[in-house]
Amino acid sequence: MTFRKLSNVSVGRLSVRRRRTGTIAAVSALGMTAVLGGCGLGGGPDEVTLKLVAADYGDSSANSSRKYWDKLVKEYEAAHSGVKVDVSVYSWTDVDRKVKELVDAGKAPDMAQIGAYADYADKGLLYKADELIGIREQADFVSQLGSAGRINGMQYGMPFAASTRLLFYNKTLFADAGLTPPTTWKQLAADARALRADGVKYPYALPLGPEEAQAETMQWLLSGGGGYVDDTGTYGIDSEENVATLTWLKDDLVGKGLTGPVAPENLNRAAAFSAFAAGDVGMLNGHPSLMKIAAEKGVKFGMVPMPGADGPTRNSMGVADWMMAFRQNGHAEQVGDFLDFVYSEKNVLAFSREYDLLPVTNSASEAMSGSSRDADLKPFLGALPSAELPPVGKTSWASVSAAVKKRIGSAVSSDGDPGEVLRALQLTAQNAE
């Protein structure tokens, strides 16, 4: 999927309460059970507790997403008597699995803020966005992100956070080695060799551990002219371009000892980012959050488009994480009201600025684009119009992504076979489809 150009039209929030379609749908689905059980769809006397499972965007306890949600929930509850919001925050390594376990056990949360929504929507487990929030609220989503959250024209996934990727490099290490930022794979490998000769611990950090291997992999596949899907939207994981890309990684980077002391399959994104902030990494792919992490440690860094086989990669990878609401507990009215608060311009900006991510609404995007305090994010905002998202609209993507996280690191190991691993992943994808 290729992003369309960001809209320049700001869509304001409704100043009055809109008509709730979700209340009608929820009551119809639940019958009188909800009323007799005291679920409070109509604002009954019993207190409603909404359960939210969310991902952690922080890199330490000091900036854990737990703190963001605690502050937001405290403010919300102070203005909404009778509604409590219980938030559980998990690392990206665990959060998708945790939600799946809850759903499989018949204990789905009211809301989940995770990496994929389509498989739950396909099973009829999710509310459509128009059962929760109004048309103007939906229209405020950045168009390409909102579109990625739709299946058959219906919005099930509500974008929560977005980012693009650039190649970060340590300016000090590059200057000491007399290097310039690479624009091709050949130059990247040459720079990595020079950095290794200077004693740099991770000349190029390649995090293919289970935390976010699917993202690192996609950026490399794009740089080699491939990707997870072809131009028709069909899985092409074992394409010639993809096999060539991973073969180059295995032979010319990993096999030459240019990716550091930790095997890529055991290196997670958070650990790679921490190593960059410690001055131990020459180059790595990073999203906007890495800027703050590195700056706080005094690392001088630069950012350039990801090098490609023959020149800079034309399309960066775009990532969107999703908010979704499960039907099981029937709290459509309360969930919709809480999401109104979550997606207010103030709160979208606060989250984006806290974690150096790109806003998912037009109103917050325009506010950020016009603010000098957000100047550092301009390169990432600039990469967004040509960025490509993973195939998040496919109901199979969650299982395919999990398989990539689990297996892709072995493709570049010393005894790995890139073609064999990619063929196995293609078969997984076809079976999941």
Protein backbone atom coordinates (compact mmCIF):
# COMPACT_ATOMS: atom_id res chain seq x y z
CA MET A 1 0.00 0.00 0.00
CA THR A 2 1.34 3.40 -0.93
CA PHE A 3 0.47 6.45 1.09
CA ARG A 4 -1.36 9.27 -0.59
CA LYS A 5 -0.38 12.87 -0.01
CA LEU A 6 -1.35 14.29 3.34
CA SER A 7 -4.53 16.31 3.29
CA ASN A 8 -4.15 20.03 3.87
CA VAL A 9 -7.74 20.34 4.99
CA SER A 10 -8.28 20.40 8.72
CA VAL A 11 -11.35 18.59 9.96
CA GLY A 12 -12.53 20.08 13.21
CA ARG A 13 -13.88 18.10 16.12
CA LEU A 14 -17.59 18.24 16.77
CA SER A 15 -18.46 20.86 19.34
CA VAL A 16 -21.66 19.07 20.28
CA ARG A 17 -22.31 15.46 21.14
CA ARG A 18 -23.14 13.44 18.05
CA ARG A 19 -25.84 10.82 17.78
CA ARG A 20 -24.57 7.50 19.07
CA THR A 21 -25.19 4.67 16.62
CA GLY A 22 -23.17 2.37 18.83
CA THR A 23 -25.73 2.39 21.65
CA ILE A 24 -28.48 1.13 19.38
CA ALA A 25 -26.25 -1.54 17.84
CA ALA A 26 -25.01 -2.74 21.20
CA VAL A 27 -28.48 -2.99 22.73
CA SER A 28 -29.79 -4.80 19.66
CA ALA A 29 -26.97 -7.30 19.88
CA LEU A 30 -27.23 -7.87 23.61
CA GLY A 31 -30.96 -7.64 24.06
CA MET A 32 -32.07 -7.07 27.64
CA THR A 33 -29.01 -8.84 29.07
CA ALA A 34 -26.99 -5.65 29.13
CA VAL A 35 -29.69 -3.72 30.99
CA LEU A 36 -30.47 -6.45 33.49
CA GLY A 37 -26.76 -7.09 34.04
CA GLY A 38 -26.11 -3.46 34.93
CA CYS A 39 -23.71 -2.85 32.02
CA GLY A 40 -24.84 0.75 32.00
CA LEU A 41 -25.25 1.37 28.29
CA GLY A 42 -27.81 4.01 29.09
CA GLY A 43 -25.85 5.52 31.97
CA GLY A 44 -27.31 3.32 34.72
CA PRO A 45 -26.31 3.43 38.38
CA ASP A 46 -23.64 0.73 38.19
CA GLU A 47 -20.08 1.78 37.49
CA VAL A 48 -18.60 0.57 34.19
CA THR A 49 -14.95 -0.42 33.99
CA LEU A 50 -13.44 -0.41 30.52
CA LYS A 51 -10.48 -2.70 29.94
CA LEU A 52 -7.74 -1.48 27.60
CA VAL A 53 -4.63 -3.43 26.63
CA ALA A 54 -1.95 -1.13 25.20
CA ALA A 55 1.58 -1.38 23.84
CA ASP A 56 4.56 0.26 25.51
CA TYR A 57 6.32 2.88 23.39
CA GLY A 58 8.88 3.80 26.01
CA ASP A 59 12.39 2.41 26.29
CA SER A 60 12.53 2.44 30.10
CA SER A 61 10.31 2.78 33.15
CA ALA A 62 10.97 6.52 33.08
CA ASN A 63 9.00 7.04 29.88
CA SER A 64 6.80 3.97 29.82
CA SER A 65 3.43 4.34 28.12
CA ARG A 66 2.00 3.43 31.51
CA LYS A 67 2.69 7.01 32.61
CA TYR A 68 0.96 8.46 29.55
CA TRP A 69 -2.15 6.34 30.06
CA ASP A 70 -2.25 6.94 33.82
CA LYS A 71 -2.31 10.71 33.26
CA LEU A 72 -4.88 10.53 30.47
CA VAL A 73 -7.18 8.17 32.38
CA LYS A 74 -6.99 10.26 35.55
CA GLU A 75 -8.10 13.32 33.60
CA TYR A 76 -10.87 11.40 31.84
CA GLU A 77 -12.26 9.77 34.96
CA ALA A 78 -12.35 13.10 36.79
CA ALA A 79 -14.85 14.36 34.20
CA HIS A 80 -16.82 11.11 33.73
CA SER A 81 -18.32 9.73 36.91
CA GLY A 82 -19.46 6.13 36.69
CA VAL A 83 -16.74 5.11 34.19
CA LYS A 84 -13.36 3.68 35.09
CA VAL A 85 -10.64 2.73 32.63
CA ASP A 86 -8.28 -0.10 33.54
CA VAL A 87 -5.17 -0.04 31.32
CA SER A 88 -2.69 -2.91 31.05
CA VAL A 89 0.56 -2.04 29.24
CA TYR A 90 2.80 -4.70 27.68
CA SER A 91 6.01 -4.59 25.65
CA TRP A 92 5.76 -4.95 21.90
CA THR A 93 7.29 -8.40 22.30
CA ASP A 94 4.25 -9.54 24.30
CA VAL A 95 1.25 -7.30 23.61
CA ASP A 96 -0.16 -8.94 20.46
CA ARG A 97 0.17 -12.38 22.00
CA LYS A 98 -1.48 -11.21 25.24
CA VAL A 99 -4.53 -9.86 23.43
CA LYS A 100 -4.85 -13.07 21.43
CA GLU A 101 -4.72 -15.12 24.63
CA LEU A 102 -7.47 -13.01 26.20
CA VAL A 103 -9.67 -13.25 23.11
CA ASP A 104 -9.13 -17.00 22.79
CA ALA A 105 -10.07 -17.40 26.46
CA GLY A 106 -13.33 -15.50 25.96
CA LYS A 107 -12.05 -12.54 27.97
CA ALA A 108 -11.56 -9.93 25.28
CA PRO A 109 -10.73 -6.43 26.53
CA ASP A 110 -13.02 -3.57 25.59
CA MET A 111 -10.18 -2.00 23.62
CA ALA A 112 -6.78 -3.06 22.38
CA GLN A 113 -4.01 -0.84 21.05
CA ILE A 114 -1.77 -3.23 19.13
CA GLY A 115 -0.17 -3.91 15.76
CA ALA A 116 -2.92 -5.60 13.71
CA TYR A 117 -6.70 -5.59 13.63
CA ALA A 118 -7.86 -7.37 10.47
CA ASP A 119 -8.00 -10.93 11.78
CA TYR A 120 -10.29 -9.87 14.65
CA ALA A 121 -12.48 -7.86 12.29
CA ASP A 122 -12.78 -10.84 9.96
CA LYS A 123 -14.14 -12.94 12.84
CA GLY A 124 -16.81 -10.34 13.60
CA LEU A 125 -15.28 -9.50 16.99
CA LEU A 126 -14.83 -5.75 16.50
CA TYR A 127 -17.11 -2.74 16.46
CA LYS A 128 -17.04 -0.68 13.30
CA ALA A 129 -15.73 2.81 13.96
CA ASP A 130 -19.06 4.38 13.03
CA GLU A 131 -20.67 2.47 15.91
CA LEU A 132 -18.34 4.31 18.27
CA ILE A 133 -17.30 7.67 16.89
CA GLY A 134 -18.84 10.21 14.51
CA ILE A 135 -18.27 10.80 10.81
CA ARG A 136 -16.23 13.95 11.41
CA GLU A 137 -14.05 12.15 13.93
CA GLN A 138 -13.39 9.41 11.38
CA ALA A 139 -12.69 11.97 8.67
CA ASP A 140 -10.04 13.55 10.88
CA PHE A 141 -7.85 10.48 10.51
CA VAL A 142 -5.00 11.09 8.05
CA SER A 143 -6.50 9.69 4.86
CA GLN A 144 -3.93 7.01 4.03
CA LEU A 145 -3.93 5.76 7.62
CA GLY A 146 -7.71 5.74 7.84
CA SER A 147 -7.88 3.84 4.54
CA ALA A 148 -5.47 1.23 5.86
CA GLY A 149 -7.87 0.60 8.74
CA ARG A 150 -10.77 -0.35 6.44
CA ILE A 151 -11.93 -3.73 5.20
CA ASN A 152 -14.50 -3.69 2.39
CA GLY A 153 -14.94 0.03 3.00
CA MET A 154 -15.70 -0.36 6.70
CA GLN A 155 -13.43 1.20 9.33
CA TYR A 156 -12.47 -1.36 11.98
CA GLY A 157 -8.91 -0.32 12.79
CA MET A 158 -8.49 3.21 14.10
CA PRO A 159 -4.90 4.41 13.59
CA PHE A 160 -3.25 5.27 16.88
CA ALA A 161 0.39 5.99 16.07
CA ALA A 162 2.38 6.29 12.86
CA SER A 163 6.01 6.50 11.83
CA THR A 164 8.32 6.18 8.88
CA ARG A 165 11.88 4.88 8.80
CA LEU A 166 15.20 6.56 7.96
CA LEU A 167 18.80 5.39 8.25
CA PHE A 168 20.37 6.88 11.39
CA TYR A 169 24.15 7.23 11.56
CA ASN A 170 26.48 8.34 14.32
CA LYS A 171 28.09 11.57 13.07
CA THR A 172 31.03 11.33 15.46
CA LEU A 173 31.94 7.78 14.47
CA PHE A 174 31.54 8.65 10.78
CA ALA A 175 33.76 11.73 11.12
CA ASP A 176 36.45 9.78 12.97
CA ALA A 177 36.50 7.20 10.16
CA GLY A 178 36.33 9.83 7.39
CA LEU A 179 33.01 8.50 6.08
CA THR A 180 29.97 9.97 4.37
CA PRO A 181 26.44 8.55 4.71
CA PRO A 182 25.85 5.68 2.28
CA THR A 183 23.37 5.78 -0.59
CA THR A 184 23.86 2.18 -1.82
CA TRP A 185 24.30 -1.22 -0.24
CA LYS A 186 27.87 -1.37 -1.49
CA GLN A 187 28.67 1.93 0.25
CA LEU A 188 26.87 0.79 3.40
CA ALA A 189 29.02 -2.34 3.56
CA ALA A 190 32.19 -0.32 2.92
CA ASP A 191 31.27 2.13 5.68
CA ALA A 192 30.55 -0.78 8.02
CA ARG A 193 33.97 -2.29 7.32
CA ALA A 194 35.66 1.03 8.11
CA LEU A 195 33.68 1.37 11.33
CA ARG A 196 34.61 -2.16 12.38
CA ALA A 197 38.27 -1.35 11.73
CA ASP A 198 37.86 1.58 14.12
CA GLY A 199 36.56 -0.75 16.80
CA VAL A 200 32.84 0.16 16.56
CA LYS A 201 30.87 -2.55 18.33
CA TYR A 202 27.91 -2.58 15.92
CA PRO A 203 28.92 -1.18 12.52
CA TYR A 204 25.35 -1.81 11.35
CA ALA A 205 22.80 -2.95 13.93
CA LEU A 206 20.39 -5.47 12.37
CA PRO A 207 17.52 -6.17 14.83
CA LEU A 208 15.79 -9.29 13.53
CA GLY A 209 14.77 -10.46 16.99
CA PRO A 210 11.09 -11.12 17.77
CA GLU A 211 10.24 -7.59 18.94
CA GLU A 212 9.91 -5.97 15.51
CA ALA A 213 11.69 -8.14 12.95
CA GLN A 214 8.84 -7.70 10.47
CA ALA A 215 9.57 -3.95 10.22
CA GLU A 216 13.34 -4.22 9.78
CA THR A 217 12.75 -6.94 7.22
CA MET A 218 10.25 -4.88 5.24
CA GLN A 219 12.59 -1.89 5.06
CA TRP A 220 15.31 -4.10 3.60
CA LEU A 221 12.91 -5.79 1.18
CA LEU A 222 11.77 -2.38 -0.10
CA SER A 223 15.37 -1.29 -0.53
CA GLY A 224 15.91 -4.31 -2.78
CA GLY A 225 12.89 -3.56 -4.94
CA GLY A 226 10.63 -6.14 -3.28
CA GLY A 227 8.24 -6.30 -0.36
CA TYR A 228 5.73 -8.57 1.30
CA VAL A 229 3.17 -8.17 -1.49
CA ASP A 230 3.37 -7.52 -5.22
CA ASP A 231 1.67 -4.75 -7.20
CA THR A 232 -1.63 -6.66 -7.16
CA GLY A 233 -1.62 -7.02 -3.37
CA THR A 234 -0.79 -10.75 -3.51
CA TYR A 235 1.85 -12.13 -1.16
CA GLY A 236 5.22 -12.42 -2.89
CA ILE A 237 7.46 -13.08 0.08
CA ASP A 238 9.70 -15.53 -1.81
CA SER A 239 10.20 -13.29 -4.86
CA GLU A 240 13.58 -13.19 -6.59
CA GLU A 241 14.13 -9.65 -5.31
CA ASN A 242 13.49 -10.67 -1.71
CA VAL A 243 15.73 -13.73 -1.91
CA ALA A 244 18.50 -11.57 -3.38
CA THR A 245 18.11 -9.00 -0.60
CA LEU A 246 18.37 -11.48 2.26
CA THR A 247 21.20 -13.33 0.51
CA TRP A 248 23.14 -10.05 0.35
CA LEU A 249 22.45 -9.40 4.03
CA LYS A 250 23.62 -12.88 4.96
CA ASP A 251 26.76 -12.89 2.82
CA ASP A 252 27.87 -9.24 2.79
CA LEU A 253 26.88 -7.94 6.22
CA VAL A 254 26.19 -10.71 8.74
CA GLY A 255 28.67 -13.16 7.25
CA LYS A 256 31.41 -10.50 7.19
CA GLY A 257 30.98 -9.73 10.88
CA LEU A 258 29.58 -6.24 10.28
CA THR A 259 26.42 -6.49 12.42
CA GLY A 260 27.95 -6.72 15.87
CA PRO A 261 28.42 -9.29 18.62
CA VAL A 262 24.73 -10.22 19.00
CA ALA A 263 23.27 -12.43 16.28
CA PRO A 264 20.55 -10.52 14.38
CA GLU A 265 17.93 -13.13 15.31
CA ASN A 266 18.63 -12.37 19.00
CA LEU A 267 18.83 -8.58 18.72
CA ASN A 268 15.62 -6.68 19.44
CA ARG A 269 14.86 -3.14 18.33
CA ALA A 270 14.91 -1.70 21.87
CA ALA A 271 18.36 -3.16 22.52
CA ALA A 272 19.64 -1.81 19.18
CA PHE A 273 18.29 1.65 19.98
CA SER A 274 19.91 1.56 23.42
CA ALA A 275 23.22 0.57 21.86
CA PHE A 276 22.95 3.48 19.40
CA ALA A 277 22.28 5.86 22.29
CA ALA A 278 25.35 4.47 24.05
CA GLY A 279 27.51 5.33 21.02
CA ASP A 280 28.12 1.69 20.12
CA VAL A 281 26.29 1.65 16.75
CA GLY A 282 27.45 3.18 13.51
CA MET A 283 24.22 2.79 11.52
CA LEU A 284 20.72 1.39 11.91
CA ASN A 285 17.18 1.90 10.67
CA GLY A 286 15.20 4.04 13.08
CA HIS A 287 11.88 5.72 13.58
CA PRO A 288 11.34 9.15 15.15
CA SER A 289 11.50 7.92 18.76
CA LEU A 290 15.19 7.20 18.36
CA MET A 291 15.92 10.94 18.05
CA LYS A 292 14.98 11.64 21.65
CA ILE A 293 16.69 8.52 22.97
CA ALA A 294 19.95 9.42 21.23
CA ALA A 295 19.80 13.15 21.98
CA GLU A 296 19.30 12.52 25.70
CA LYS A 297 22.58 10.58 25.71
CA GLY A 298 24.43 13.28 23.79
CA VAL A 299 24.84 11.27 20.58
CA LYS A 300 25.24 13.41 17.46
CA PHE A 301 23.35 11.72 14.64
CA GLY A 302 22.24 12.26 11.09
CA MET A 303 19.37 10.76 9.11
CA VAL A 304 19.22 9.82 5.42
CA PRO A 305 16.95 7.66 3.25
CA MET A 306 17.64 3.95 3.46
CA PRO A 307 20.32 2.94 0.93
CA GLY A 308 19.15 0.66 -1.86
CA ALA A 309 20.83 -1.85 -4.12
CA ASP A 310 21.71 0.89 -6.64
CA GLY A 311 20.76 4.15 -4.89
CA PRO A 312 18.55 5.60 -2.14
CA THR A 313 15.37 3.63 -1.54
CA ARG A 314 12.44 5.36 -3.21
CA ASN A 315 9.82 4.23 -0.71
CA SER A 316 10.37 4.21 3.01
CA MET A 317 8.40 1.86 5.18
CA GLY A 318 5.43 3.38 6.96
CA VAL A 319 4.03 1.89 10.13
CA ALA A 320 0.69 2.41 11.79
CA ASP A 321 -0.41 0.89 15.08
CA TRP A 322 -4.09 0.41 15.75
CA MET A 323 -6.82 0.97 18.26
CA MET A 324 -9.76 -1.44 18.10
CA ALA A 325 -12.83 -2.10 20.20
CA PHE A 326 -14.20 -5.59 20.92
CA ARG A 327 -17.93 -6.26 20.94
CA GLN A 328 -17.88 -8.87 23.68
CA ASN A 329 -18.53 -6.62 26.68
CA GLY A 330 -21.05 -4.37 24.93
CA HIS A 331 -19.78 -1.01 26.21
CA ALA A 332 -20.11 0.82 22.91
CA GLU A 333 -21.36 4.08 24.40
CA GLN A 334 -18.65 4.34 27.02
CA VAL A 335 -15.92 3.16 24.64
CA GLY A 336 -16.95 5.73 22.04
CA ASP A 337 -16.93 8.52 24.59
CA PHE A 338 -13.48 7.51 25.83
CA LEU A 339 -12.12 7.33 22.28
CA ASP A 340 -13.41 10.84 21.62
CA PHE A 341 -11.14 11.93 24.45
CA VAL A 342 -8.18 9.82 23.31
CA TYR A 343 -8.36 11.27 19.78
CA SER A 344 -8.75 14.90 20.76
CA GLU A 345 -6.12 17.11 19.16
CA LYS A 346 -4.57 17.81 22.54
CA ASN A 347 -4.08 14.16 23.42
CA VAL A 348 -2.94 13.06 19.95
CA LEU A 349 -0.29 15.80 20.01
CA ALA A 350 0.74 14.93 23.55
CA PHE A 351 1.28 11.27 22.68
CA SER A 352 3.06 12.04 19.41
CA ARG A 353 5.41 14.49 21.10
CA GLU A 354 6.09 12.25 24.06
CA TYR A 355 7.28 9.41 21.83
CA ASP A 356 8.38 11.35 18.74
CA LEU A 357 5.79 9.69 16.53
CA LEU A 358 3.70 11.07 13.69
CA PRO A 359 0.12 12.18 14.46
CA VAL A 360 -2.70 10.09 13.03
CA THR A 361 -5.21 12.94 12.68
CA ASN A 362 -5.24 15.84 10.24
CA SER A 363 -5.85 18.38 12.98
CA ALA A 364 -2.83 17.24 15.02
CA SER A 365 -0.68 16.83 11.89
CA GLU A 366 -1.33 20.40 10.84
CA ALA A 367 -0.61 21.67 14.33
CA MET A 368 2.68 19.77 14.36
CA SER A 369 3.68 20.85 10.84
CA GLY A 370 3.27 24.50 11.80
CA SER A 371 5.10 24.27 15.12
CA SER A 372 8.80 25.05 15.46
CA ARG A 373 9.06 22.72 18.45
CA ASP A 374 8.39 19.77 16.12
CA ALA A 375 10.98 20.68 13.47
CA ASP A 376 12.97 17.50 14.11
CA LEU A 377 10.05 15.41 12.87
CA LYS A 378 9.89 17.16 9.50
CA PRO A 379 12.12 14.57 7.70
CA PHE A 380 9.77 11.79 8.80
CA LEU A 381 6.66 13.76 7.88
CA GLY A 382 8.31 14.37 4.51
CA ALA A 383 8.84 10.64 3.99
CA LEU A 384 5.22 9.81 4.75
CA PRO A 385 3.63 10.59 1.35
CA SER A 386 5.78 7.99 -0.43
CA ALA A 387 5.87 5.44 2.38
CA GLU A 388 4.42 1.94 2.13
CA LEU A 389 2.55 0.14 4.87
CA PRO A 390 2.68 -3.58 5.59
CA PRO A 391 -0.45 -5.40 4.31
CA VAL A 392 -2.38 -4.64 7.50
CA GLY A 393 -5.75 -4.91 5.77
CA LYS A 394 -5.21 -8.61 5.15
CA THR A 395 -6.82 -10.83 7.75
CA SER A 396 -3.78 -13.08 7.44
CA TRP A 397 -1.26 -10.37 8.30
CA ALA A 398 -1.21 -10.94 12.06
CA SER A 399 -0.20 -14.58 11.66
CA VAL A 400 2.21 -13.81 8.81
CA SER A 401 3.83 -11.03 10.85
CA ALA A 402 4.21 -13.39 13.80
CA ALA A 403 5.83 -15.98 11.55
CA VAL A 404 8.26 -13.40 10.16
CA LYS A 405 9.21 -12.33 13.69
CA LYS A 406 9.88 -15.95 14.61
CA ARG A 407 11.74 -17.17 11.54
CA ILE A 408 13.35 -14.37 9.55
CA GLY A 409 16.47 -14.08 11.69
CA SER A 410 17.45 -17.64 10.83
CA ALA A 411 17.59 -16.69 7.13
CA VAL A 412 20.75 -14.65 7.67
CA SER A 413 22.43 -16.93 10.22
CA SER A 414 25.63 -18.75 9.28
CA ASP A 415 23.78 -21.96 8.41
CA GLY A 416 20.62 -20.25 7.16
CA ASP A 417 19.12 -20.48 3.68
CA PRO A 418 17.32 -17.24 2.73
CA GLY A 419 15.39 -18.87 -0.11
CA GLU A 420 14.21 -21.75 2.04
CA VAL A 421 13.05 -19.45 4.86
CA LEU A 422 11.22 -17.12 2.48
CA ARG A 423 9.51 -20.05 0.73
CA ALA A 424 8.33 -21.34 4.11
CA LEU A 425 6.97 -17.89 4.98
CA GLN A 426 5.24 -17.66 1.60
CA LEU A 427 3.55 -21.00 2.26
CA THR A 428 2.49 -19.75 5.70
CA ALA A 429 1.02 -16.65 4.08
CA GLN A 430 -0.84 -18.63 1.41
CA ASN A 431 -2.30 -20.98 3.99
CA ALA A 432 -3.33 -18.04 6.19
CA GLU A 433 -5.07 -16.42 3.19
